[in-house]
Amino acid sequence: MKPKRLTREQSKDQTRERLLSSANTIFTKKGYVAASIEDIAAAAGYTRGAFYSNFGGKAELLLELLKCDHEAMRAELQQIFDAGGTRDEMEARALTFYSQFIRLNPAFMLWAEAKLQAARDAKFRTRYIAFMREKIQDMAATIELFAERAGTPLLLPAEQLAVGLMGLCDGIQAIHQADPQFVSLEMTEATLSGFFARVVLGRAPG
């Protein structure tokens, strides 16, 4: 059977997805600074011209990868809300999701590369800060929605909880990456679940 010919829009979407996948691999392996546009395009099977037909540069590509990762996390949280149930059931699902965040988040190195680039490049920093502020506001809104649907009163303002939980995840994952034998995945899960239970749910861990 003859393969179905892709429409122009489908072909463009496929090119973007391949470039994103290629960039994800190369940024993680080589680092953002060392990765070249030629590397990314060649690994995806395209030319430099094809790259610039879809993205304005490496910075745009990295930010797009971060947005994709954030959207994936939002989708998983939405499933917790959509499943409904009692307060205890919703709290248990949220606790499980947060405690396993490091296992579920393979994009940590991309976020680390973005932080380093933001510290070095003022132009990139402006775009990164704008994105992070949106992410914090979005997470704060998600926390408020969780509290409303689960009937769980918040012990701190949602924005403070968003910043705190994000910072804890980043810090724990960085320590785990540096010393996974001592700071094991089991330890990270116990740490994250303990803080989430105490600070967000207002109850003793376990």
Protein backbone atom coordinates (compact mmCIF):
# COMPACT_ATOMS: atom_id res chain seq x y z
CA MET A 1 0.00 0.00 0.00
CA LYS A 2 1.40 3.39 -0.99
CA PRO A 3 2.23 5.60 2.01
CA LYS A 4 -0.17 8.48 2.52
CA ARG A 5 1.38 11.78 1.43
CA LEU A 6 1.70 14.30 4.24
CA THR A 7 0.08 17.68 3.90
CA ARG A 8 2.33 20.73 4.04
CA GLU A 9 1.21 21.43 7.59
CA GLN A 10 1.80 17.81 8.66
CA SER A 11 5.24 17.85 7.09
CA LYS A 12 6.14 21.07 8.93
CA ASP A 13 4.91 19.62 12.22
CA GLN A 14 6.97 16.48 11.65
CA THR A 15 10.08 18.55 10.92
CA ARG A 16 9.59 20.58 14.11
CA GLU A 17 9.10 17.44 16.20
CA ARG A 18 12.26 15.83 14.81
CA LEU A 19 14.28 18.97 15.44
CA LEU A 20 12.94 19.20 18.99
CA SER A 21 13.77 15.55 19.65
CA SER A 22 17.25 15.99 18.21
CA ALA A 23 17.87 19.15 20.26
CA ASN A 24 16.67 17.42 23.42
CA THR A 25 19.25 14.67 22.95
CA ILE A 26 22.13 16.97 21.97
CA PHE A 27 21.49 19.64 24.64
CA THR A 28 21.41 16.89 27.27
CA LYS A 29 24.54 15.15 25.98
CA LYS A 30 26.77 18.06 24.93
CA GLY A 31 25.26 21.02 26.75
CA TYR A 32 23.51 24.05 25.29
CA VAL A 33 26.65 26.10 24.59
CA ALA A 34 28.56 23.27 22.88
CA ALA A 35 25.62 22.19 20.73
CA SER A 36 25.52 23.73 17.27
CA ILE A 37 22.59 24.31 14.97
CA GLU A 38 24.36 22.12 12.40
CA ASP A 39 24.56 19.29 14.97
CA ILE A 40 20.86 19.52 15.72
CA ALA A 41 19.76 19.75 12.09
CA ALA A 42 22.03 16.92 10.94
CA ALA A 43 20.92 14.59 13.75
CA ALA A 44 17.30 15.20 12.72
CA GLY A 45 18.12 14.58 9.06
CA TYR A 46 17.69 18.17 7.90
CA THR A 47 19.75 21.11 6.68
CA ARG A 48 20.58 24.36 8.46
CA GLY A 49 18.02 26.04 6.23
CA ALA A 50 15.30 23.67 7.41
CA PHE A 51 16.20 24.54 10.99
CA TYR A 52 15.77 28.27 10.41
CA SER A 53 12.49 27.67 8.60
CA ASN A 54 11.12 26.39 11.90
CA PHE A 55 13.08 28.08 14.69
CA GLY A 56 14.80 31.42 15.11
CA GLY A 57 17.78 29.91 16.93
CA LYS A 58 18.92 27.66 19.75
CA ALA A 59 17.32 29.83 22.43
CA GLU A 60 13.89 29.49 20.88
CA LEU A 61 14.39 25.75 20.60
CA LEU A 62 15.43 25.35 24.25
CA LEU A 63 12.50 27.42 25.50
CA GLU A 64 10.12 25.38 23.36
CA LEU A 65 11.45 22.17 24.92
CA LEU A 66 10.89 23.62 28.39
CA LYS A 67 7.35 24.63 27.48
CA CYS A 68 6.64 21.12 26.17
CA ASP A 69 7.89 19.62 29.44
CA HIS A 70 5.77 22.03 31.47
CA GLU A 71 2.67 21.26 29.40
CA ALA A 72 3.22 17.52 29.92
CA MET A 73 3.31 18.09 33.69
CA ARG A 74 0.13 20.17 33.52
CA ALA A 75 -1.62 17.39 31.60
CA GLU A 76 -0.71 14.84 34.29
CA LEU A 77 -1.97 17.14 37.03
CA GLN A 78 -5.19 17.69 35.11
CA GLN A 79 -5.77 13.94 35.17
CA ILE A 80 -5.65 14.09 38.96
CA PHE A 81 -8.38 16.73 38.95
CA ASP A 82 -10.48 14.98 36.32
CA ALA A 83 -10.43 11.71 38.26
CA GLY A 84 -12.25 13.45 41.12
CA GLY A 85 -13.00 11.37 44.20
CA THR A 86 -12.85 12.15 47.87
CA ARG A 87 -10.46 14.61 49.50
CA ASP A 88 -8.26 11.73 50.71
CA GLU A 89 -8.14 10.18 47.23
CA MET A 90 -7.19 13.46 45.53
CA GLU A 91 -4.58 14.22 48.17
CA ALA A 92 -3.10 10.73 47.78
CA ARG A 93 -2.83 11.09 43.99
CA ALA A 94 -1.25 14.55 44.27
CA LEU A 95 1.20 13.29 46.90
CA THR A 96 2.20 10.34 44.71
CA PHE A 97 2.71 12.56 41.67
CA TYR A 98 4.90 15.06 43.52
CA SER A 99 6.94 12.45 45.37
CA GLN A 100 7.74 10.66 42.08
CA PHE A 101 8.42 13.89 40.20
CA ILE A 102 12.12 13.15 39.76
CA ARG A 103 11.41 9.72 38.27
CA LEU A 104 8.82 11.27 35.95
CA ASN A 105 10.93 14.26 34.89
CA PRO A 106 13.74 13.28 32.49
CA ALA A 107 14.08 16.93 31.34
CA PHE A 108 16.04 18.04 34.41
CA MET A 109 19.25 18.62 32.41
CA LEU A 110 17.38 20.91 30.00
CA TRP A 111 16.18 23.06 32.90
CA ALA A 112 19.71 23.10 34.32
CA GLU A 113 21.12 24.21 30.95
CA ALA A 114 18.51 26.96 30.75
CA LYS A 115 19.42 28.26 34.21
CA LEU A 116 23.11 28.36 33.31
CA GLN A 117 22.42 30.14 30.03
CA ALA A 118 20.17 32.66 31.77
CA ALA A 119 23.02 33.46 34.16
CA ARG A 120 25.42 34.08 31.27
CA ASP A 121 23.27 35.67 28.58
CA ALA A 122 21.19 38.78 29.40
CA LYS A 123 19.05 38.45 26.27
CA PHE A 124 18.18 34.83 27.01
CA ARG A 125 17.65 35.70 30.68
CA THR A 126 14.88 38.14 29.78
CA ARG A 127 12.95 35.46 27.88
CA TYR A 128 13.66 32.80 30.51
CA ILE A 129 12.45 35.01 33.37
CA ALA A 130 9.23 35.79 31.50
CA PHE A 131 8.62 32.10 30.96
CA MET A 132 9.42 31.19 34.56
CA ARG A 133 7.05 33.84 35.90
CA GLU A 134 4.30 32.38 33.75
CA LYS A 135 5.19 28.91 35.05
CA ILE A 136 5.04 30.04 38.68
CA GLN A 137 1.68 31.75 38.14
CA ASP A 138 0.38 28.68 36.35
CA MET A 139 1.52 26.38 39.13
CA ALA A 140 0.03 28.68 41.76
CA ALA A 141 -3.30 28.53 39.94
CA THR A 142 -3.04 24.73 39.83
CA ILE A 143 -2.38 24.60 43.58
CA GLU A 144 -5.40 26.82 44.23
CA LEU A 145 -7.54 24.59 42.01
CA PHE A 146 -6.35 21.51 43.85
CA ALA A 147 -7.15 23.10 47.20
CA GLU A 148 -10.61 24.09 46.00
CA ARG A 149 -11.54 20.70 44.54
CA ALA A 150 -10.03 18.63 47.33
CA GLY A 151 -11.26 20.93 50.08
CA THR A 152 -7.73 21.23 51.46
CA PRO A 153 -7.01 24.66 53.01
CA LEU A 154 -3.59 26.05 52.08
CA LEU A 155 -1.17 26.90 54.89
CA LEU A 156 0.73 29.40 52.72
CA PRO A 157 -0.23 31.57 49.73
CA ALA A 158 -0.34 29.51 46.54
CA GLU A 159 2.43 31.53 44.88
CA GLN A 160 4.79 30.90 47.80
CA LEU A 161 3.99 27.20 47.68
CA ALA A 162 4.64 27.14 43.93
CA VAL A 163 8.08 28.75 44.33
CA GLY A 164 8.94 26.53 47.28
CA LEU A 165 7.89 23.26 45.66
CA MET A 166 9.66 24.09 42.40
CA GLY A 167 12.83 25.08 44.24
CA LEU A 168 12.76 21.92 46.35
CA CYS A 169 12.38 19.73 43.27
CA ASP A 170 15.27 21.47 41.51
CA GLY A 171 17.54 21.24 44.53
CA ILE A 172 16.78 17.62 45.37
CA GLN A 173 17.23 16.55 41.77
CA ALA A 174 20.57 18.37 41.52
CA ILE A 175 21.84 16.60 44.66
CA HIS A 176 20.57 13.26 43.36
CA GLN A 177 22.30 13.76 40.02
CA ALA A 178 25.58 14.57 41.78
CA ASP A 179 25.46 11.72 44.31
CA PRO A 180 22.81 9.12 43.38
CA GLN A 181 24.32 6.45 45.63
CA PHE A 182 23.75 8.46 48.80
CA VAL A 183 20.76 10.54 47.69
CA SER A 184 18.87 7.68 46.08
CA LEU A 185 15.56 7.90 44.26
CA GLU A 186 13.96 6.38 47.34
CA MET A 187 15.41 9.16 49.51
CA THR A 188 14.26 11.86 47.09
CA GLU A 189 10.74 10.45 47.07
CA ALA A 190 10.64 10.28 50.87
CA THR A 191 11.92 13.87 51.11
CA LEU A 192 9.50 15.29 48.54
CA SER A 193 6.50 13.41 49.91
CA GLY A 194 7.36 14.48 53.46
CA PHE A 195 7.57 18.17 52.58
CA PHE A 196 4.44 18.02 50.42
CA ALA A 197 2.44 16.29 53.15
CA ARG A 198 3.52 18.77 55.79
CA VAL A 199 3.57 22.06 53.86
CA VAL A 200 0.75 21.59 51.35
CA LEU A 201 -1.56 19.10 53.06
CA GLY A 202 -0.81 20.19 56.61
CA ARG A 203 -0.36 16.70 58.03
CA ALA A 204 2.47 14.54 59.27
CA PRO A 205 4.28 12.49 56.59
CA GLY A 206 3.09 8.92 56.25
